Amino acid sequence: DKVAPVCYKTLTGGDGEPIMGQEVRAAIDGEIKRLTSQAYSNAKKILTQHEDKLHLLAQELIEKETLTGNEVRAILGLPPMKQELEQPEAKQDQQGKLEAGKDGSSGKKNTWFGR
């Protein structure tokens, strides 16, 4: 609220001094601190309110290691996703299995960091 939504660059002027003044930097730092504190408080409040569900979810993950979206939704007491929303994922899995048979590979691609 105190700092307008503009881009403040950390460049220096010709004499090596920062382009923005000390007051602007202090205002930016204050807003960053306020926003991160507010986000932390909100996250902590939400996690505390739903601590029982968080523990149920953690226990299921310990037992199964992976959960589908609908399994997570069931644990959290939410209705399952509509079938048509799940189909693209299922189609990708089927396509991967079909391609795996063609070249003898597992069909799985390691997409971690583009590998």
PDB file of N, CA and C in Angstrom:
ATOM      1  N   ASP A   1       0.816  -1.204   0.000  1.00  0.00           N
ATOM      2  CA  ASP A   1       0.000   0.000   0.000  1.00  0.00           C
ATOM      3  C   ASP A   1       0.855   1.262   0.000  1.00  0.00           C
ATOM      4  N   LYS A   2       2.018   1.176   0.626  1.00  0.00           N
ATOM      5  CA  LYS A   2       2.872   2.353   0.724  1.00  0.00           C
ATOM      6  C   LYS A   2       3.756   2.540  -0.496  1.00  0.00           C
ATOM      7  N   VAL A   3       4.029   1.471  -1.213  1.00  0.00           N
ATOM      8  CA  VAL A   3       4.900   1.539  -2.383  1.00  0.00           C
ATOM      9  C   VAL A   3       4.056   1.246  -3.613  1.00  0.00           C
ATOM     10  N   ALA A   4       4.109   2.138  -4.581  1.00  0.00           N
ATOM     11  CA  ALA A   4       3.312   1.965  -5.799  1.00  0.00           C
ATOM     12  C   ALA A   4       3.827   0.771  -6.594  1.00  0.00           C
ATOM     13  N   PRO A   5       2.953   0.139  -7.386  1.00  0.00           N
ATOM     14  CA  PRO A   5       3.373  -1.028  -8.179  1.00  0.00           C
ATOM     15  C   PRO A   5       4.206  -0.620  -9.390  1.00  0.00           C
ATOM     16  N   VAL A   6       5.439  -0.251  -9.132  1.00  0.00           N
ATOM     17  CA  VAL A   6       6.373   0.102 -10.199  1.00  0.00           C
ATOM     18  C   VAL A   6       7.649  -0.698 -10.001  1.00  0.00           C
ATOM     19  N   CYS A   7       8.510  -0.670 -10.983  1.00  0.00           N
ATOM     20  CA  CYS A   7       9.770  -1.413 -10.915  1.00  0.00           C
ATOM     21  C   CYS A   7      10.865  -0.503 -10.361  1.00  0.00           C
ATOM     22  N   TYR A   8      11.411  -0.896  -9.231  1.00  0.00           N
ATOM     23  CA  TYR A   8      12.536  -0.172  -8.650  1.00  0.00           C
ATOM     24  C   TYR A   8      13.798  -0.976  -8.914  1.00  0.00           C
ATOM     25  N   LYS A   9      14.671  -0.443  -9.739  1.00  0.00           N
ATOM     26  CA  LYS A   9      15.895  -1.157 -10.085  1.00  0.00           C
ATOM     27  C   LYS A   9      16.969  -0.873  -9.043  1.00  0.00           C
ATOM     28  N   THR A  10      17.858  -1.817  -8.872  1.00  0.00           N
ATOM     29  CA  THR A  10      18.934  -1.649  -7.897  1.00  0.00           C
ATOM     30  C   THR A  10      20.211  -1.147  -8.560  1.00  0.00           C
ATOM     31  N   LEU A  11      20.058  -0.478  -9.684  1.00  0.00           N
ATOM     32  CA  LEU A  11      21.215   0.059 -10.391  1.00  0.00           C
ATOM     33  C   LEU A  11      21.772   1.261  -9.646  1.00  0.00           C
ATOM     34  N   THR A  12      22.993   1.608  -9.971  1.00  0.00           N
ATOM     35  CA  THR A  12      23.595   2.785  -9.362  1.00  0.00           C
ATOM     36  C   THR A  12      23.750   3.860 -10.415  1.00  0.00           C
ATOM     37  N   GLY A  13      23.840   5.083  -9.949  1.00  0.00           N
ATOM     38  CA  GLY A  13      24.054   6.195 -10.857  1.00  0.00           C
ATOM     39  C   GLY A  13      25.509   6.254 -11.286  1.00  0.00           C
ATOM     40  N   GLY A  14      25.879   7.315 -12.010  1.00  0.00           N
ATOM     41  CA  GLY A  14      27.239   7.463 -12.508  1.00  0.00           C
ATOM     42  C   GLY A  14      28.275   7.574 -11.402  1.00  0.00           C
ATOM     43  N   ASP A  15      27.858   8.040 -10.233  1.00  0.00           N
ATOM     44  CA  ASP A  15      28.803   8.199  -9.130  1.00  0.00           C
ATOM     45  C   ASP A  15      28.845   6.979  -8.213  1.00  0.00           C
ATOM     46  N   GLY A  16      28.152   5.902  -8.574  1.00  0.00           N
ATOM     47  CA  GLY A  16      28.159   4.685  -7.771  1.00  0.00           C
ATOM     48  C   GLY A  16      27.111   4.654  -6.674  1.00  0.00           C
ATOM     49  N   GLU A  17      26.375   5.731  -6.523  1.00  0.00           N
ATOM     50  CA  GLU A  17      25.332   5.788  -5.499  1.00  0.00           C
ATOM     51  C   GLU A  17      24.048   5.152  -6.035  1.00  0.00           C
ATOM     52  N   PRO A  18      23.277   4.500  -5.176  1.00  0.00           N
ATOM     53  CA  PRO A  18      21.999   3.925  -5.620  1.00  0.00           C
ATOM     54  C   PRO A  18      21.083   5.004  -6.188  1.00  0.00           C
ATOM     55  N   ILE A  19      20.318   4.645  -7.219  1.00  0.00           N
ATOM     56  CA  ILE A  19      19.411   5.596  -7.860  1.00  0.00           C
ATOM     57  C   ILE A  19      18.288   6.001  -6.914  1.00  0.00           C
ATOM     58  N   MET A  20      17.782   5.078  -6.135  1.00  0.00           N
ATOM     59  CA  MET A  20      16.685   5.414  -5.227  1.00  0.00           C
ATOM     60  C   MET A  20      17.248   5.872  -3.888  1.00  0.00           C
ATOM     61  N   GLY A  21      16.471   6.688  -3.222  1.00  0.00           N
ATOM     62  CA  GLY A  21      16.903   7.216  -1.943  1.00  0.00           C
ATOM     63  C   GLY A  21      16.712   6.226  -0.803  1.00  0.00           C
ATOM     64  N   GLN A  22      17.292   6.573   0.327  1.00  0.00           N
ATOM     65  CA  GLN A  22      17.214   5.742   1.523  1.00  0.00           C
ATOM     66  C   GLN A  22      15.767   5.557   1.972  1.00  0.00           C
ATOM     67  N   GLU A  23      14.952   6.600   1.852  1.00  0.00           N
ATOM     68  CA  GLU A  23      13.552   6.510   2.283  1.00  0.00           C
ATOM     69  C   GLU A  23      12.760   5.524   1.429  1.00  0.00           C
ATOM     70  N   VAL A  24      13.007   5.536   0.121  1.00  0.00           N
ATOM     71  CA  VAL A  24      12.310   4.610  -0.775  1.00  0.00           C
ATOM     72  C   VAL A  24      12.735   3.180  -0.469  1.00  0.00           C
ATOM     73  N   ARG A  25      14.042   2.974  -0.263  1.00  0.00           N
ATOM     74  CA  ARG A  25      14.512   1.630   0.078  1.00  0.00           C
ATOM     75  C   ARG A  25      13.915   1.151   1.397  1.00  0.00           C
ATOM     76  N   ALA A  26      13.823   2.038   2.374  1.00  0.00           N
ATOM     77  CA  ALA A  26      13.238   1.673   3.669  1.00  0.00           C
ATOM     78  C   ALA A  26      11.759   1.338   3.511  1.00  0.00           C
ATOM     79  N   ALA A  27      11.055   2.105   2.663  1.00  0.00           N
ATOM     80  CA  ALA A  27       9.628   1.837   2.422  1.00  0.00           C
ATOM     81  C   ALA A  27       9.446   0.483   1.743  1.00  0.00           C
ATOM     82  N   ILE A  28      10.294   0.179   0.767  1.00  0.00           N
ATOM     83  CA  ILE A  28      10.217  -1.111   0.073  1.00  0.00           C
ATOM     84  C   ILE A  28      10.498  -2.247   1.049  1.00  0.00           C
ATOM     85  N   ASP A  29      11.547  -2.104   1.843  1.00  0.00           N
ATOM     86  CA  ASP A  29      11.879  -3.133   2.836  1.00  0.00           C
ATOM     87  C   ASP A  29      10.744  -3.330   3.829  1.00  0.00           C
ATOM     88  N   GLY A  30      10.126  -2.228   4.253  1.00  0.00           N
ATOM     89  CA  GLY A  30       9.002  -2.316   5.190  1.00  0.00           C
ATOM     90  C   GLY A  30       7.815  -3.053   4.596  1.00  0.00           C
ATOM     91  N   GLU A  31       7.516  -2.759   3.331  1.00  0.00           N
ATOM     92  CA  GLU A  31       6.397  -3.433   2.661  1.00  0.00           C
ATOM     93  C   GLU A  31       6.685  -4.916   2.468  1.00  0.00           C
ATOM     94  N   ILE A  32       7.914  -5.239   2.111  1.00  0.00           N
ATOM     95  CA  ILE A  32       8.282  -6.651   1.950  1.00  0.00           C
ATOM     96  C   ILE A  32       8.106  -7.382   3.270  1.00  0.00           C
ATOM     97  N   LYS A  33       8.571  -6.777   4.346  1.00  0.00           N
ATOM     98  CA  LYS A  33       8.444  -7.399   5.666  1.00  0.00           C
ATOM     99  C   LYS A  33       6.977  -7.567   6.044  1.00  0.00           C
ATOM    100  N   ARG A  34       6.174  -6.530   5.788  1.00  0.00           N
ATOM    101  CA  ARG A  34       4.751  -6.600   6.126  1.00  0.00           C
ATOM    102  C   ARG A  34       4.052  -7.695   5.330  1.00  0.00           C
ATOM    103  N   LEU A  35       4.318  -7.759   4.027  1.00  0.00           N
ATOM    104  CA  LEU A  35       3.662  -8.751   3.174  1.00  0.00           C
ATOM    105  C   LEU A  35       4.076 -10.175   3.527  1.00  0.00           C
ATOM    106  N   THR A  36       5.365 -10.393   3.781  1.00  0.00           N
ATOM    107  CA  THR A  36       5.799 -11.746   4.128  1.00  0.00           C
ATOM    108  C   THR A  36       5.280 -12.160   5.500  1.00  0.00           C
ATOM    109  N   SER A  37       5.228 -11.223   6.435  1.00  0.00           N
ATOM    110  CA  SER A  37       4.670 -11.538   7.762  1.00  0.00           C
ATOM    111  C   SER A  37       3.191 -11.875   7.663  1.00  0.00           C
ATOM    112  N   GLN A  38       2.474 -11.118   6.846  1.00  0.00           N
ATOM    113  CA  GLN A  38       1.045 -11.367   6.655  1.00  0.00           C
ATOM    114  C   GLN A  38       0.824 -12.726   5.993  1.00  0.00           C
ATOM    115  N   ALA A  39       1.614 -13.052   4.986  1.00  0.00           N
ATOM    116  CA  ALA A  39       1.480 -14.347   4.309  1.00  0.00           C
ATOM    117  C   ALA A  39       1.802 -15.490   5.264  1.00  0.00           C
ATOM    118  N   TYR A  40       2.822 -15.327   6.090  1.00  0.00           N
ATOM    119  CA  TYR A  40       3.188 -16.350   7.070  1.00  0.00           C
ATOM    120  C   TYR A  40       2.046 -16.559   8.060  1.00  0.00           C
ATOM    121  N   SER A  41       1.482 -15.466   8.554  1.00  0.00           N
ATOM    122  CA  SER A  41       0.373 -15.566   9.515  1.00  0.00           C
ATOM    123  C   SER A  41      -0.835 -16.259   8.897  1.00  0.00           C
ATOM    124  N   ASN A  42      -1.154 -15.903   7.653  1.00  0.00           N
ATOM    125  CA  ASN A  42      -2.292 -16.534   6.974  1.00  0.00           C
ATOM    126  C   ASN A  42      -2.055 -18.024   6.774  1.00  0.00           C
ATOM    127  N   ALA A  43      -0.853 -18.398   6.342  1.00  0.00           N
ATOM    128  CA  ALA A  43      -0.541 -19.817   6.128  1.00  0.00           C
ATOM    129  C   ALA A  43      -0.612 -20.588   7.439  1.00  0.00           C
ATOM    130  N   LYS A  44      -0.062 -20.014   8.497  1.00  0.00           N
ATOM    131  CA  LYS A  44      -0.078 -20.672   9.807  1.00  0.00           C
ATOM    132  C   LYS A  44      -1.511 -20.845  10.310  1.00  0.00           C
ATOM    133  N   LYS A  45      -2.340 -19.838  10.099  1.00  0.00           N
ATOM    134  CA  LYS A  45      -3.745 -19.900  10.518  1.00  0.00           C
ATOM    135  C   LYS A  45      -4.474 -21.016   9.774  1.00  0.00           C
ATOM    136  N   ILE A  46      -4.284 -21.100   8.471  1.00  0.00           N
ATOM    137  CA  ILE A  46      -4.947 -22.126   7.656  1.00  0.00           C
ATOM    138  C   ILE A  46      -4.482 -23.517   8.068  1.00  0.00           C
ATOM    139  N   LEU A  47      -3.179 -23.695   8.254  1.00  0.00           N
ATOM    140  CA  LEU A  47      -2.655 -25.005   8.651  1.00  0.00           C
ATOM    141  C   LEU A  47      -3.141 -25.402  10.039  1.00  0.00           C
ATOM    142  N   THR A  48      -3.229 -24.445  10.942  1.00  0.00           N
ATOM    143  CA  THR A  48      -3.720 -24.731  12.294  1.00  0.00           C
ATOM    144  C   THR A  48      -5.195 -25.104  12.266  1.00  0.00           C
ATOM    145  N   GLN A  49      -5.982 -24.393  11.467  1.00  0.00           N
ATOM    146  CA  GLN A  49      -7.417 -24.680  11.356  1.00  0.00           C
ATOM    147  C   GLN A  49      -7.665 -26.078  10.798  1.00  0.00           C
ATOM    148  N   HIS A  50      -6.799 -26.537   9.928  1.00  0.00           N
ATOM    149  CA  HIS A  50      -6.992 -27.822   9.256  1.00  0.00           C
ATOM    150  C   HIS A  50      -5.934 -28.845   9.667  1.00  0.00           C
ATOM    151  N   GLU A  51      -5.446 -28.725  10.894  1.00  0.00           N
ATOM    152  CA  GLU A  51      -4.369 -29.594  11.369  1.00  0.00           C
ATOM    153  C   GLU A  51      -4.757 -31.067  11.331  1.00  0.00           C
ATOM    154  N   ASP A  52      -6.001 -31.375  11.669  1.00  0.00           N
ATOM    155  CA  ASP A  52      -6.443 -32.776  11.651  1.00  0.00           C
ATOM    156  C   ASP A  52      -6.357 -33.364  10.243  1.00  0.00           C
ATOM    157  N   LYS A  53      -6.781 -32.605   9.246  1.00  0.00           N
ATOM    158  CA  LYS A  53      -6.718 -33.080   7.863  1.00  0.00           C
ATOM    159  C   LYS A  53      -5.268 -33.188   7.389  1.00  0.00           C
ATOM    160  N   LEU A  54      -4.440 -32.267   7.846  1.00  0.00           N
ATOM    161  CA  LEU A  54      -3.029 -32.295   7.492  1.00  0.00           C
ATOM    162  C   LEU A  54      -2.370 -33.574   8.004  1.00  0.00           C
ATOM    163  N   HIS A  55      -2.707 -33.969   9.239  1.00  0.00           N
ATOM    164  CA  HIS A  55      -2.143 -35.195   9.804  1.00  0.00           C
ATOM    165  C   HIS A  55      -2.674 -36.443   9.089  1.00  0.00           C
ATOM    166  N   LEU A  56      -3.953 -36.431   8.719  1.00  0.00           N
ATOM    167  CA  LEU A  56      -4.504 -37.557   7.951  1.00  0.00           C
ATOM    168  C   LEU A  56      -3.789 -37.697   6.604  1.00  0.00           C
ATOM    169  N   LEU A  57      -3.600 -36.576   5.949  1.00  0.00           N
ATOM    170  CA  LEU A  57      -2.925 -36.573   4.653  1.00  0.00           C
ATOM    171  C   LEU A  57      -1.479 -37.059   4.797  1.00  0.00           C
ATOM    172  N   ALA A  58      -0.795 -36.598   5.828  1.00  0.00           N
ATOM    173  CA  ALA A  58       0.587 -37.030   6.065  1.00  0.00           C
ATOM    174  C   ALA A  58       0.652 -38.532   6.319  1.00  0.00           C
ATOM    175  N   GLN A  59      -0.280 -39.055   7.099  1.00  0.00           N
ATOM    176  CA  GLN A  59      -0.292 -40.487   7.405  1.00  0.00           C
ATOM    177  C   GLN A  59      -0.512 -41.317   6.139  1.00  0.00           C
ATOM    178  N   GLU A  60      -1.438 -40.880   5.301  1.00  0.00           N
ATOM    179  CA  GLU A  60      -1.683 -41.596   4.040  1.00  0.00           C
ATOM    180  C   GLU A  60      -0.455 -41.555   3.136  1.00  0.00           C
ATOM    181  N   LEU A  61       0.222 -40.418   3.099  1.00  0.00           N
ATOM    182  CA  LEU A  61       1.427 -40.314   2.275  1.00  0.00           C
ATOM    183  C   LEU A  61       2.542 -41.207   2.805  1.00  0.00           C
ATOM    184  N   ILE A  62       2.633 -41.340   4.118  1.00  0.00           N
ATOM    185  CA  ILE A  62       3.636 -42.240   4.701  1.00  0.00           C
ATOM    186  C   ILE A  62       3.343 -43.677   4.292  1.00  0.00           C
ATOM    187  N   GLU A  63       2.069 -44.038   4.299  1.00  0.00           N
ATOM    188  CA  GLU A  63       1.680 -45.412   3.968  1.00  0.00           C
ATOM    189  C   GLU A  63       1.790 -45.708   2.474  1.00  0.00           C
ATOM    190  N   LYS A  64       1.327 -44.778   1.630  1.00  0.00           N
ATOM    191  CA  LYS A  64       1.231 -45.054   0.195  1.00  0.00           C
ATOM    192  C   LYS A  64       2.309 -44.380  -0.651  1.00  0.00           C
ATOM    193  N   GLU A  65       2.950 -43.360  -0.161  1.00  0.00           N
ATOM    194  CA  GLU A  65       3.962 -42.561  -0.843  1.00  0.00           C
ATOM    195  C   GLU A  65       3.403 -41.637  -1.915  1.00  0.00           C
ATOM    196  N   THR A  66       2.430 -42.091  -2.684  1.00  0.00           N
ATOM    197  CA  THR A  66       1.807 -41.225  -3.685  1.00  0.00           C
ATOM    198  C   THR A  66       0.300 -41.329  -3.563  1.00  0.00           C
ATOM    199  N   LEU A  67      -0.367 -40.250  -3.889  1.00  0.00           N
ATOM    200  CA  LEU A  67      -1.830 -40.213  -3.862  1.00  0.00           C
ATOM    201  C   LEU A  67      -2.324 -39.536  -5.128  1.00  0.00           C
ATOM    202  N   THR A  68      -3.474 -39.977  -5.605  1.00  0.00           N
ATOM    203  CA  THR A  68      -4.104 -39.305  -6.737  1.00  0.00           C
ATOM    204  C   THR A  68      -4.817 -38.061  -6.220  1.00  0.00           C
ATOM    205  N   GLY A  69      -5.206 -37.213  -7.134  1.00  0.00           N
ATOM    206  CA  GLY A  69      -5.955 -36.021  -6.747  1.00  0.00           C
ATOM    207  C   GLY A  69      -7.237 -36.370  -6.025  1.00  0.00           C
ATOM    208  N   ASN A  70      -7.941 -37.386  -6.521  1.00  0.00           N
ATOM    209  CA  ASN A  70      -9.197 -37.778  -5.882  1.00  0.00           C
ATOM    210  C   ASN A  70      -8.969 -38.408  -4.515  1.00  0.00           C
ATOM    211  N   GLU A  71      -7.845 -39.094  -4.324  1.00  0.00           N
ATOM    212  CA  GLU A  71      -7.540 -39.636  -2.998  1.00  0.00           C
ATOM    213  C   GLU A  71      -7.294 -38.502  -2.005  1.00  0.00           C
ATOM    214  N   VAL A  72      -6.576 -37.488  -2.439  1.00  0.00           N
ATOM    215  CA  VAL A  72      -6.343 -36.323  -1.577  1.00  0.00           C
ATOM    216  C   VAL A  72      -7.666 -35.640  -1.266  1.00  0.00           C
ATOM    217  N   ARG A  73      -8.497 -35.475  -2.287  1.00  0.00           N
ATOM    218  CA  ARG A  73      -9.794 -34.823  -2.084  1.00  0.00           C
ATOM    219  C   ARG A  73     -10.654 -35.621  -1.110  1.00  0.00           C
ATOM    220  N   ALA A  74     -10.616 -36.946  -1.186  1.00  0.00           N
ATOM    221  CA  ALA A  74     -11.396 -37.787  -0.274  1.00  0.00           C
ATOM    222  C   ALA A  74     -10.906 -37.614   1.164  1.00  0.00           C
ATOM    223  N   ILE A  75      -9.597 -37.584   1.355  1.00  0.00           N
ATOM    224  CA  ILE A  75      -9.030 -37.398   2.692  1.00  0.00           C
ATOM    225  C   ILE A  75      -9.445 -36.046   3.262  1.00  0.00           C
ATOM    226  N   LEU A  76      -9.479 -35.033   2.415  1.00  0.00           N
ATOM    227  CA  LEU A  76      -9.830 -33.685   2.856  1.00  0.00           C
ATOM    228  C   LEU A  76     -11.334 -33.464   2.940  1.00  0.00           C
ATOM    229  N   GLY A  77     -12.107 -34.479   2.552  1.00  0.00           N
ATOM    230  CA  GLY A  77     -13.558 -34.364   2.620  1.00  0.00           C
ATOM    231  C   GLY A  77     -14.158 -33.548   1.493  1.00  0.00           C
ATOM    232  N   LEU A  78     -13.475 -33.500   0.372  1.00  0.00           N
ATOM    233  CA  LEU A  78     -13.955 -32.755  -0.792  1.00  0.00           C
ATOM    234  C   LEU A  78     -14.539 -33.723  -1.814  1.00  0.00           C
ATOM    235  N   PRO A  79     -15.457 -33.258  -2.647  1.00  0.00           N
ATOM    236  CA  PRO A  79     -16.023 -34.146  -3.669  1.00  0.00           C
ATOM    237  C   PRO A  79     -14.967 -34.487  -4.719  1.00  0.00           C
ATOM    238  N   PRO A  80     -15.098 -35.661  -5.355  1.00  0.00           N
ATOM    239  CA  PRO A  80     -14.123 -36.044  -6.387  1.00  0.00           C
ATOM    240  C   PRO A  80     -14.214 -35.119  -7.591  1.00  0.00           C
ATOM    241  N   MET A  81     -13.108 -35.059  -8.334  1.00  0.00           N
ATOM    242  CA  MET A  81     -13.099 -34.256  -9.555  1.00  0.00           C
ATOM    243  C   MET A  81     -13.964 -34.936 -10.602  1.00  0.00           C
ATOM    244  N   LYS A  82     -14.466 -34.141 -11.515  1.00  0.00           N
ATOM    245  CA  LYS A  82     -15.256 -34.701 -12.604  1.00  0.00           C
ATOM    246  C   LYS A  82     -14.356 -35.550 -13.489  1.00  0.00           C
ATOM    247  N   GLN A  83     -14.904 -36.597 -14.041  1.00  0.00           N
ATOM    248  CA  GLN A  83     -14.136 -37.555 -14.844  1.00  0.00           C
ATOM    249  C   GLN A  83     -13.432 -36.891 -16.021  1.00  0.00           C
ATOM    250  N   GLU A  84     -14.085 -35.947 -16.706  1.00  0.00           N
ATOM    251  CA  GLU A  84     -13.472 -35.349 -17.885  1.00  0.00           C
ATOM    252  C   GLU A  84     -12.236 -34.528 -17.527  1.00  0.00           C
ATOM    253  N   LEU A  85     -12.122 -34.072 -16.286  1.00  0.00           N
ATOM    254  CA  LEU A  85     -10.929 -33.345 -15.881  1.00  0.00           C
ATOM    255  C   LEU A  85      -9.748 -34.281 -15.679  1.00  0.00           C
ATOM    256  N   GLU A  86     -10.002 -35.534 -15.421  1.00  0.00           N
ATOM    257  CA  GLU A  86      -8.932 -36.498 -15.197  1.00  0.00           C
ATOM    258  C   GLU A  86      -8.477 -37.165 -16.492  1.00  0.00           C
ATOM    259  N   GLN A  87      -9.266 -37.119 -17.537  1.00  0.00           N
ATOM    260  CA  GLN A  87      -8.957 -37.834 -18.766  1.00  0.00           C
ATOM    261  C   GLN A  87      -7.650 -37.416 -19.438  1.00  0.00           C
ATOM    262  N   PRO A  88      -7.298 -36.127 -19.524  1.00  0.00           N
ATOM    263  CA  PRO A  88      -6.037 -35.798 -20.202  1.00  0.00           C
ATOM    264  C   PRO A  88      -4.839 -36.504 -19.574  1.00  0.00           C
ATOM    265  N   GLU A  89      -4.815 -36.615 -18.264  1.00  0.00           N
ATOM    266  CA  GLU A  89      -3.719 -37.297 -17.583  1.00  0.00           C
ATOM    267  C   GLU A  89      -3.715 -38.785 -17.946  1.00  0.00           C
ATOM    268  N   ALA A  90      -4.886 -39.386 -17.964  1.00  0.00           N
ATOM    269  CA  ALA A  90      -4.998 -40.804 -18.301  1.00  0.00           C
ATOM    270  C   ALA A  90      -4.585 -41.038 -19.755  1.00  0.00           C
ATOM    271  N   LYS A  91      -4.954 -40.114 -20.649  1.00  0.00           N
ATOM    272  CA  LYS A  91      -4.576 -40.242 -22.054  1.00  0.00           C
ATOM    273  C   LYS A  91      -3.064 -40.159 -22.218  1.00  0.00           C
ATOM    274  N   GLN A  92      -2.420 -39.254 -21.474  1.00  0.00           N
ATOM    275  CA  GLN A  92      -0.966 -39.142 -21.544  1.00  0.00           C
ATOM    276  C   GLN A  92      -0.309 -40.435 -21.087  1.00  0.00           C
ATOM    277  N   ASP A  93      -0.827 -41.018 -20.017  1.00  0.00           N
ATOM    278  CA  ASP A  93      -0.274 -42.262 -19.489  1.00  0.00           C
ATOM    279  C   ASP A  93      -0.421 -43.382 -20.515  1.00  0.00           C
ATOM    280  N   GLN A  94      -1.591 -43.473 -21.139  1.00  0.00           N
ATOM    281  CA  GLN A  94      -1.825 -44.491 -22.161  1.00  0.00           C
ATOM    282  C   GLN A  94      -0.899 -44.283 -23.351  1.00  0.00           C
ATOM    283  N   GLN A  95      -0.740 -43.021 -23.778  1.00  0.00           N
ATOM    284  CA  GLN A  95       0.134 -42.719 -24.910  1.00  0.00           C
ATOM    285  C   GLN A  95       1.567 -43.126 -24.591  1.00  0.00           C
ATOM    286  N   GLY A  96       2.010 -42.853 -23.368  1.00  0.00           N
ATOM    287  CA  GLY A  96       3.360 -43.235 -22.951  1.00  0.00           C
ATOM    288  C   GLY A  96       3.553 -44.728 -22.988  1.00  0.00           C
ATOM    289  N   LYS A  97       2.538 -45.491 -22.581  1.00  0.00           N
ATOM    290  CA  LYS A  97       2.627 -46.949 -22.597  1.00  0.00           C
ATOM    291  C   LYS A  97       2.687 -47.472 -24.027  1.00  0.00           C
ATOM    292  N   LEU A  98       1.918 -46.850 -24.923  1.00  0.00           N
ATOM    293  CA  LEU A  98       1.937 -47.270 -26.322  1.00  0.00           C
ATOM    294  C   LEU A  98       3.304 -47.014 -26.942  1.00  0.00           C
ATOM    295  N   GLU A  99       3.868 -45.834 -26.671  1.00  0.00           N
ATOM    296  CA  GLU A  99       5.170 -45.495 -27.227  1.00  0.00           C
ATOM    297  C   GLU A  99       6.268 -46.365 -26.626  1.00  0.00           C
ATOM    298  N   ALA A 100       6.102 -46.776 -25.390  1.00  0.00           N
ATOM    299  CA  ALA A 100       7.111 -47.603 -24.727  1.00  0.00           C
ATOM    300  C   ALA A 100       7.259 -48.943 -25.432  1.00  0.00           C
ATOM    301  N   GLY A 101       6.177 -49.476 -25.907  1.00  0.00           N
ATOM    302  CA  GLY A 101       6.228 -50.770 -26.575  1.00  0.00           C
ATOM    303  C   GLY A 101       6.925 -50.710 -27.911  1.00  0.00           C
ATOM    304  N   LYS A 102       6.943 -49.551 -28.558  1.00  0.00           N
ATOM    305  CA  LYS A 102       7.529 -49.419 -29.887  1.00  0.00           C
ATOM    306  C   LYS A 102       9.051 -49.506 -29.870  1.00  0.00           C
ATOM    307  N   ASP A 103       9.682 -48.820 -28.927  1.00  0.00           N
ATOM    308  CA  ASP A 103      11.145 -48.793 -28.944  1.00  0.00           C
ATOM    309  C   ASP A 103      11.792 -49.567 -27.806  1.00  0.00           C
ATOM    310  N   GLY A 104      11.000 -50.224 -26.987  1.00  0.00           N
ATOM    311  CA  GLY A 104      11.535 -51.047 -25.908  1.00  0.00           C
ATOM    312  C   GLY A 104      11.882 -50.281 -24.647  1.00  0.00           C
ATOM    313  N   SER A 105      11.746 -48.965 -24.667  1.00  0.00           N
ATOM    314  CA  SER A 105      12.055 -48.190 -23.461  1.00  0.00           C
ATOM    315  C   SER A 105      10.870 -48.234 -22.515  1.00  0.00           C
ATOM    316  N   SER A 106      11.054 -47.661 -21.347  1.00  0.00           N
ATOM    317  CA  SER A 106       9.975 -47.675 -20.349  1.00  0.00           C
ATOM    318  C   SER A 106       8.859 -46.717 -20.716  1.00  0.00           C
ATOM    319  N   GLY A 107       9.120 -45.767 -21.601  1.00  0.00           N
ATOM    320  CA  GLY A 107       8.107 -44.799 -21.993  1.00  0.00           C
ATOM    321  C   GLY A 107       8.051 -43.602 -21.072  1.00  0.00           C
ATOM    322  N   LYS A 108       8.730 -43.680 -19.934  1.00  0.00           N
ATOM    323  CA  LYS A 108       8.723 -42.568 -18.992  1.00  0.00           C
ATOM    324  C   LYS A 108       9.845 -41.616 -19.356  1.00  0.00           C
ATOM    325  N   LYS A 109       9.533 -40.341 -19.281  1.00  0.00           N
ATOM    326  CA  LYS A 109      10.528 -39.329 -19.580  1.00  0.00           C
ATOM    327  C   LYS A 109      10.913 -38.640 -18.284  1.00  0.00           C
ATOM    328  N   ASN A 110      12.185 -38.449 -18.076  1.00  0.00           N
ATOM    329  CA  ASN A 110      12.655 -37.718 -16.916  1.00  0.00           C
ATOM    330  C   ASN A 110      12.585 -36.236 -17.261  1.00  0.00           C
ATOM    331  N   THR A 111      11.612 -35.546 -16.708  1.00  0.00           N
ATOM    332  CA  THR A 111      11.422 -34.141 -17.038  1.00  0.00           C
ATOM    333  C   THR A 111      11.982 -33.219 -15.970  1.00  0.00           C
ATOM    334  N   TRP A 112      12.690 -33.768 -15.002  1.00  0.00           N
ATOM    335  CA  TRP A 112      13.262 -32.953 -13.945  1.00  0.00           C
ATOM    336  C   TRP A 112      14.370 -32.082 -14.535  1.00  0.00           C
ATOM    337  N   PHE A 113      14.209 -30.799 -14.513  1.00  0.00           N
ATOM    338  CA  PHE A 113      15.163 -29.827 -15.023  1.00  0.00           C
ATOM    339  C   PHE A 113      15.519 -30.079 -16.484  1.00  0.00           C
ATOM    340  N   GLY A 114      14.535 -30.511 -17.255  1.00  0.00           N
ATOM    341  CA  GLY A 114      14.698 -30.654 -18.686  1.00  0.00           C
ATOM    342  C   GLY A 114      15.495 -31.849 -19.149  1.00  0.00           C
ATOM    343  N   ARG A 115      15.777 -32.767 -18.264  1.00  0.00           N
ATOM    344  CA  ARG A 115      16.547 -33.958 -18.657  1.00  0.00           C
ATOM    345  C   ARG A 115      15.652 -35.007 -19.226  1.00  0.00           C
TER     346      ARG A 115
END
